[in-house]
Amino acid sequence: MSAVQYASANPRLSFPPRAYAEMIGAAYDGYPLEACGLLVGEGTTVRRFVPCTNEAASARVYSIPGLELLRAERAAEADGMQVIGVFHSHTHSEPYPSPTDVEQAPDPAWYYVIVSLKREAPEARCYRIVDASINEVPIAAG
């Protein structure tokens, strides 16, 4: 796996305050298991957060049920948007993609947001994962 690079060609992933707060809340709600959800929006702007079930029911991996993904995609399309990324939490590790996260990254166009609950305050970081290359993308919340 290559080292993390800062994706200067990629602009910031922007969140409205409510969607960002809902994502952080979902991380806490899922604890001690990994939580997950989908990011719906346009381009580099998240318009809404869709919490999902962690089908794996695990503290180490996550899996979004296909039906939940399909429903989120259809709802996004009906509103003129699309699923632009996915969020999951790391309960006891850094907000950095694990080898499993990299292997299972389903779409190179998606943004992958990881919220770590390792410290007192949650820490969110975003990445693009393309051909096992991990590039960090800054997050703008608010």
Protein backbone atom coordinates (compact mmCIF):
# COMPACT_ATOMS: atom_id res chain seq x y z
CA MET A 1 0.00 0.00 0.00
CA SER A 2 1.33 3.42 -0.90
CA ALA A 3 1.74 6.26 1.55
CA VAL A 4 -1.03 8.79 1.97
CA GLN A 5 -0.83 11.69 -0.40
CA TYR A 6 -2.63 14.99 -0.12
CA ALA A 7 -5.03 15.25 -3.03
CA SER A 8 -4.33 18.80 -4.15
CA ALA A 9 -6.26 18.22 -7.38
CA ASN A 10 -9.36 17.39 -5.33
CA PRO A 11 -11.23 20.24 -3.69
CA ARG A 12 -12.64 20.04 -0.19
CA LEU A 13 -15.56 17.79 0.62
CA SER A 14 -18.15 20.21 2.03
CA PHE A 15 -20.79 19.30 4.61
CA PRO A 16 -23.71 21.39 5.84
CA PRO A 17 -23.68 21.51 9.67
CA ARG A 18 -26.69 19.20 10.06
CA ALA A 19 -25.34 16.41 7.83
CA TYR A 20 -21.94 16.56 9.53
CA ALA A 21 -23.53 16.43 13.00
CA GLU A 22 -25.74 13.50 11.96
CA MET A 23 -22.67 11.60 10.72
CA ILE A 24 -20.78 12.19 13.99
CA GLY A 25 -23.91 11.20 15.93
CA ALA A 26 -24.19 7.98 13.94
CA ALA A 27 -20.59 7.10 14.90
CA TYR A 28 -21.50 7.42 18.57
CA ASP A 29 -24.85 5.65 18.13
CA GLY A 30 -23.11 2.64 16.57
CA TYR A 31 -20.45 2.33 19.26
CA PRO A 32 -18.95 -0.14 20.20
CA LEU A 33 -19.49 -1.42 16.63
CA GLU A 34 -18.42 0.39 13.49
CA ALA A 35 -21.17 2.62 12.19
CA CYS A 36 -21.71 3.40 8.52
CA GLY A 37 -23.75 5.57 6.20
CA LEU A 38 -23.92 7.16 2.80
CA LEU A 39 -23.12 10.68 1.68
CA VAL A 40 -25.63 12.10 -0.81
CA GLY A 41 -24.97 15.25 -2.77
CA GLU A 42 -23.52 16.79 -5.87
CA GLY A 43 -19.87 16.98 -6.88
CA THR A 44 -17.90 17.76 -3.73
CA THR A 45 -20.87 18.90 -1.66
CA VAL A 46 -22.69 16.59 0.73
CA ARG A 47 -26.35 17.60 0.94
CA ARG A 48 -27.51 14.86 3.31
CA PHE A 49 -26.27 11.99 5.39
CA VAL A 50 -28.07 8.64 5.23
CA PRO A 51 -27.34 6.38 8.21
CA CYS A 52 -27.16 2.68 7.33
CA THR A 53 -27.11 -0.64 9.13
CA ASN A 54 -23.71 -2.25 9.59
CA GLU A 55 -24.72 -5.64 8.26
CA ALA A 56 -21.42 -7.08 9.51
CA ALA A 57 -22.32 -6.08 13.10
CA SER A 58 -18.60 -5.78 13.79
CA ALA A 59 -16.20 -3.47 15.60
CA ARG A 60 -13.60 -4.06 12.85
CA VAL A 61 -15.46 -3.97 9.51
CA TYR A 62 -18.65 -2.61 8.02
CA SER A 63 -21.00 -3.69 5.26
CA ILE A 64 -23.96 -1.67 3.98
CA PRO A 65 -26.95 -3.83 2.98
CA GLY A 66 -27.61 -3.73 -0.76
CA LEU A 67 -31.25 -2.76 -0.27
CA GLU A 68 -30.28 0.28 1.84
CA LEU A 69 -27.78 1.37 -0.83
CA LEU A 70 -30.41 0.95 -3.56
CA ARG A 71 -32.98 2.97 -1.60
CA ALA A 72 -30.46 5.76 -0.96
CA GLU A 73 -29.45 5.82 -4.64
CA ARG A 74 -33.08 6.01 -5.80
CA ALA A 75 -33.97 8.75 -3.29
CA ALA A 76 -30.88 10.73 -4.29
CA GLU A 77 -31.72 10.38 -7.98
CA ALA A 78 -35.31 11.51 -7.35
CA ASP A 79 -33.87 14.69 -5.80
CA GLY A 80 -31.37 15.29 -8.62
CA MET A 81 -28.40 14.08 -6.59
CA GLN A 82 -26.31 10.95 -6.20
CA VAL A 83 -24.42 8.95 -3.62
CA ILE A 84 -20.99 10.59 -3.60
CA GLY A 85 -19.39 8.68 -0.77
CA VAL A 86 -19.54 6.54 2.31
CA PHE A 87 -18.78 7.06 5.97
CA HIS A 88 -17.76 4.57 8.61
CA SER A 89 -16.32 4.83 12.07
CA HIS A 90 -13.20 3.43 13.64
CA THR A 91 -13.92 2.82 17.28
CA HIS A 92 -10.35 2.43 18.58
CA SER A 93 -8.02 3.27 15.72
CA GLU A 94 -6.90 6.25 13.67
CA PRO A 95 -9.17 7.76 10.98
CA TYR A 96 -7.12 6.15 8.23
CA PRO A 97 -8.23 3.44 5.77
CA SER A 98 -7.36 -0.08 6.90
CA PRO A 99 -6.18 -2.66 4.35
CA THR A 100 -9.75 -4.05 4.41
CA ASP A 101 -11.17 -0.55 3.75
CA VAL A 102 -8.88 -0.22 0.74
CA GLU A 103 -9.71 -3.70 -0.61
CA GLN A 104 -13.44 -3.11 -0.26
CA ALA A 105 -13.59 0.46 -1.62
CA PRO A 106 -16.38 -0.02 -4.18
CA ASP A 107 -16.15 3.16 -6.27
CA PRO A 108 -13.03 5.18 -7.15
CA ALA A 109 -15.20 8.30 -7.61
CA TRP A 110 -16.53 8.14 -4.02
CA TYR A 111 -15.30 10.01 -1.00
CA TYR A 112 -14.47 7.76 1.97
CA VAL A 113 -14.97 9.49 5.31
CA ILE A 114 -13.70 7.83 8.47
CA VAL A 115 -14.64 9.11 11.91
CA SER A 116 -12.34 7.94 14.70
CA LEU A 117 -13.64 7.71 18.25
CA LYS A 118 -10.17 6.87 19.59
CA ARG A 119 -9.73 10.17 21.43
CA GLU A 120 -11.97 12.41 23.55
CA ALA A 121 -13.26 14.30 20.52
CA PRO A 122 -14.25 12.56 17.28
CA GLU A 123 -11.86 13.04 14.37
CA ALA A 124 -13.17 12.92 10.79
CA ARG A 125 -10.92 12.55 7.76
CA CYS A 126 -11.74 11.99 4.11
CA TYR A 127 -9.96 10.05 1.38
CA ARG A 128 -10.20 9.06 -2.26
CA ILE A 129 -9.15 5.46 -2.83
CA VAL A 130 -8.18 4.58 -6.40
CA ASP A 131 -6.30 1.40 -7.32
CA ALA A 132 -5.12 0.99 -3.69
CA SER A 133 -3.73 4.53 -3.69
CA ILE A 134 -5.00 6.60 -0.75
CA ASN A 135 -5.29 10.36 -1.19
CA GLU A 136 -6.52 12.60 1.60
CA VAL A 137 -9.16 15.22 0.83
CA PRO A 138 -9.82 18.07 3.26
CA ILE A 139 -13.25 18.33 4.89
CA ALA A 140 -15.13 21.62 5.22
CA ALA A 141 -17.95 21.33 7.75
CA GLY A 142 -20.27 24.21 8.40
